[in-house]
Amino acid sequence: MPRLLFLAHRIPYPPDKGEKIRAWHMLDHLARRWDVDLGCLVDDPADLAHLPVLRGRCATVEHAETGRYGRVARALLHLRPGVPLTRGWFHHPRLAAWVAAGLAARRWDAAFVYSSAMAPYVMGADAAGPHRVLDLVDVDSEKWAAYAAASRPPMRQVWAREARTLLGLERTAAGAFDRTILVSEAEARRFAELAPEVRPRVDWVDNGVDLSRFDPDAHTAPSPPAGEGWGEGSAQTAEKPTPPAIVFTGTMNYRPNVEAVCWFAAEVMPLLRTRTPAPEFWIVGANPAPAVQALAAQPGIHVTGSVPDVRPYVAHAAVAVAPLRIARGIQNKVLEAMAMARPVVASPDAFEGVRAIPGRDLLVADGAAEMAASVAAVLDGAHPGLGAAARRAVAAGHDWNATLARLDAVMERAARTER
């Protein structure tokens, strides 16, 4: 089989968060047709335990551990005018030397690079080197621009500089690669607007969802902790009905998630507490930031921290919400809740890229009053078929088996590209 270099800015296993989910499914799919040499960074020592899984799937696994202080030091060390902090943050000299040696030896027929942060590892390869495909995933520079718009000095200037310089890196990288893909057609269209010089070589591969894992009929995981006010599916008493559960899932030190749940707690939950019984808000995900932890002091709000499996929390919720105000690409939390046949209420930003019809497959709500009304409508039974329609929609538009067929086509087109 042909040999492929696969570079990722974080170890692509286990697939328990957005960036790892996409990376793992792509790696697993490509390994069926390529001998894969994986190079990746490991920023959590606990993830080292998963290296055997990757070694069983890949011909070679080269990893480099990166601590936070080391990343900060490298980011500052590589800081230059016009260079984003991101570039130094994800640079590791040992991994760079391994890639350079493989390129010099003509070891690989193709290179698949996951995220703009890893593009510099192969951007110096000569024209006779491997065919190169870059997965930007989303236009990350746009996220930093949104951070800048929502921040005060001096961080406004810091994030604005990162947005500007990272867009420069994204455009330069896309020019150096044979094909550049993004997570959705909408995101690809936006990048082509920002980098018109590479428009003919920009494509997309939609995010998918594992329908066999997120299957309400085959769901056998234990229920969430009993006796804690968990909603639909829990025992009820005549004296005190069990409050329905609203669930949000995600990595809870990620700024868009932090801002989303804090906004929902402050703006939407007060509008819902007037109901009888009042619903409770469950924030499910690892590494809750201090602002998220503080929400647990409010009535009817639960912060779980890391859990072994998010599926029980989704399966037993009355409604899943995605009130993100800063969002890029396709939100896995939305796809997973829809696959579990849960009614979903999403903000317009969280809905972008999802192949579904608002009002039929999920509800899209803009602003606190509209989101509270949509959640209340679900709780009142106004959308009895919404969950079933949601699963049908993601089965039709986001089955990994179908979305990854586009990846095969992208790899073939890259191989045919004349340098």
Foldseek 3Di string as FASTA:
>chain_A
DFEEEEEDAEPLPDVPADLSVVSVLLLQVVLVPHQYAYEYEHADVVCVVVVVVVVVSHVHYHYHYDYPVNLQVQLVVPDDVLAASLQSSSDDVVSLVVLVVCQVVLVGQEYEYEALSCLVSCLPRDPVHHAYEYENQALVLVLLCVVLVVDDPPSVVNSPSNSRSVLVSVLSSLVSHLAYEYAFPVRQVVNCVSRVVNNVRYYYFHAFDALVQLAQVPDDDDAPDPPPLEAAPHDQDPVAGRAAEEEEEHAAVDVQNVVQVLCCLVQAQVVQVVDVPGHAYEYEHADHDPSLVVSCVDPRYYYDHHDPDCNNSLLRGLEYEAAGPRATHAHVRLLSSLSNLHAYEYEPRNCPRQQADDPAQHHYAHDRVRSNVRVVCSVVVVHVRNSVSSNVRSVVPRHSVVSCVVVVVSVVSSSVDDD
